[in-house]
């Protein structure tokens, strides 16, 4: 169990964007958080940015295996 903190979220977002470009934005994204128990505010905002990035291309993002404590923080209403 570990966490995602700044600047780790920048790397994750960059890798997601690279994968989307390589696949011509044809696939939605699944983020497995099985080994993540904490994230900082910057990482939370980074995940929100990923969700918003994908919405622009009518794609979805799914967070799976989310620790119970993180579920409340990852509920995006925008």
Protein backbone atom coordinates (compact mmCIF):
# COMPACT_ATOMS: atom_id res chain seq x y z
CA UNK A 1 0.00 0.00 0.00
CA UNK A 2 1.31 3.44 -0.89
CA UNK A 3 0.23 6.82 -2.18
CA UNK A 4 0.29 9.10 -5.18
CA UNK A 5 1.73 12.52 -4.55
CA UNK A 6 2.95 15.45 -6.60
CA UNK A 7 4.75 15.12 -9.03
CA UNK A 8 3.68 11.49 -9.55
CA UNK A 9 0.28 12.52 -10.87
CA UNK A 10 1.94 14.51 -13.65
CA UNK A 11 3.72 11.37 -14.82
CA UNK A 12 0.50 9.33 -14.68
CA UNK A 13 -1.43 11.96 -16.63
CA UNK A 14 1.36 12.20 -19.20
CA UNK A 15 1.40 8.43 -19.69
CA UNK A 16 -2.37 8.35 -20.11
CA UNK A 17 -2.20 11.12 -22.71
CA UNK A 18 0.58 9.33 -24.60
CA UNK A 19 -1.47 6.12 -24.69
CA UNK A 20 -4.56 8.01 -25.87
CA UNK A 21 -2.62 9.69 -28.67
CA UNK A 22 -1.16 6.35 -29.79
CA UNK A 23 -4.64 4.83 -29.96
CA UNK A 24 -6.27 7.86 -31.63
CA UNK A 25 -8.45 8.47 -28.58
CA UNK A 26 -10.51 5.32 -29.24
CA UNK A 27 -10.46 3.79 -25.76
CA UNK A 28 -11.63 4.78 -22.33
CA UNK A 29 -9.23 4.46 -19.38
CA UNK A 30 -9.27 2.16 -16.36
CA UNK A 31 -7.12 3.22 -13.41
CA UNK A 32 -6.43 0.44 -10.91
CA UNK A 33 -5.80 1.86 -7.45
CA UNK A 34 -5.46 -1.49 -5.67
CA UNK A 35 -2.12 -0.56 -4.11
CA UNK A 36 -2.94 3.08 -3.40
CA UNK A 37 -4.24 4.11 0.00
CA UNK A 38 -3.52 7.86 0.02
CA UNK A 39 -3.34 10.73 -2.44
CA UNK A 40 -2.61 14.39 -1.89
CA UNK A 41 -4.67 17.35 -3.06
CA UNK A 42 -2.54 17.85 -6.18
CA UNK A 43 -3.05 14.23 -7.21
CA UNK A 44 -6.77 14.51 -6.65
CA UNK A 45 -6.85 17.57 -8.90
CA UNK A 46 -4.73 15.68 -11.44
CA UNK A 47 -7.24 12.83 -11.55
CA UNK A 48 -10.02 15.38 -12.03
CA UNK A 49 -8.04 16.79 -14.96
CA UNK A 50 -7.74 13.29 -16.47
CA UNK A 51 -11.51 12.87 -16.21
CA UNK A 52 -12.06 16.25 -17.86
CA UNK A 53 -9.49 15.50 -20.59
CA UNK A 54 -11.32 12.30 -21.46
CA UNK A 55 -14.74 13.97 -21.47
CA UNK A 56 -13.51 16.22 -24.30
CA UNK A 57 -13.18 13.10 -26.45
CA UNK A 58 -16.39 11.46 -25.19
CA UNK A 59 -14.32 8.87 -23.31
CA UNK A 60 -14.75 7.61 -19.77
CA UNK A 61 -12.39 6.82 -16.95
CA UNK A 62 -13.07 4.12 -14.38
CA UNK A 63 -11.30 3.89 -11.04
CA UNK A 64 -11.20 0.27 -9.83
CA UNK A 65 -10.07 -1.38 -6.61
CA UNK A 66 -10.35 1.91 -4.78
CA UNK A 67 -9.60 1.95 -1.05
CA UNK A 68 -12.73 2.80 0.93
CA UNK A 69 -11.14 5.98 2.29
CA UNK A 70 -10.33 7.20 -1.22
CA UNK A 71 -13.78 6.59 -2.64
CA UNK A 72 -15.24 9.74 -1.12
CA UNK A 73 -12.36 11.87 -2.36
CA UNK A 74 -12.58 10.51 -5.91
CA UNK A 75 -16.30 11.17 -6.35
CA UNK A 76 -16.26 13.90 -8.97
CA UNK A 77 -19.44 15.82 -9.50
CA UNK A 78 -18.28 18.04 -12.37
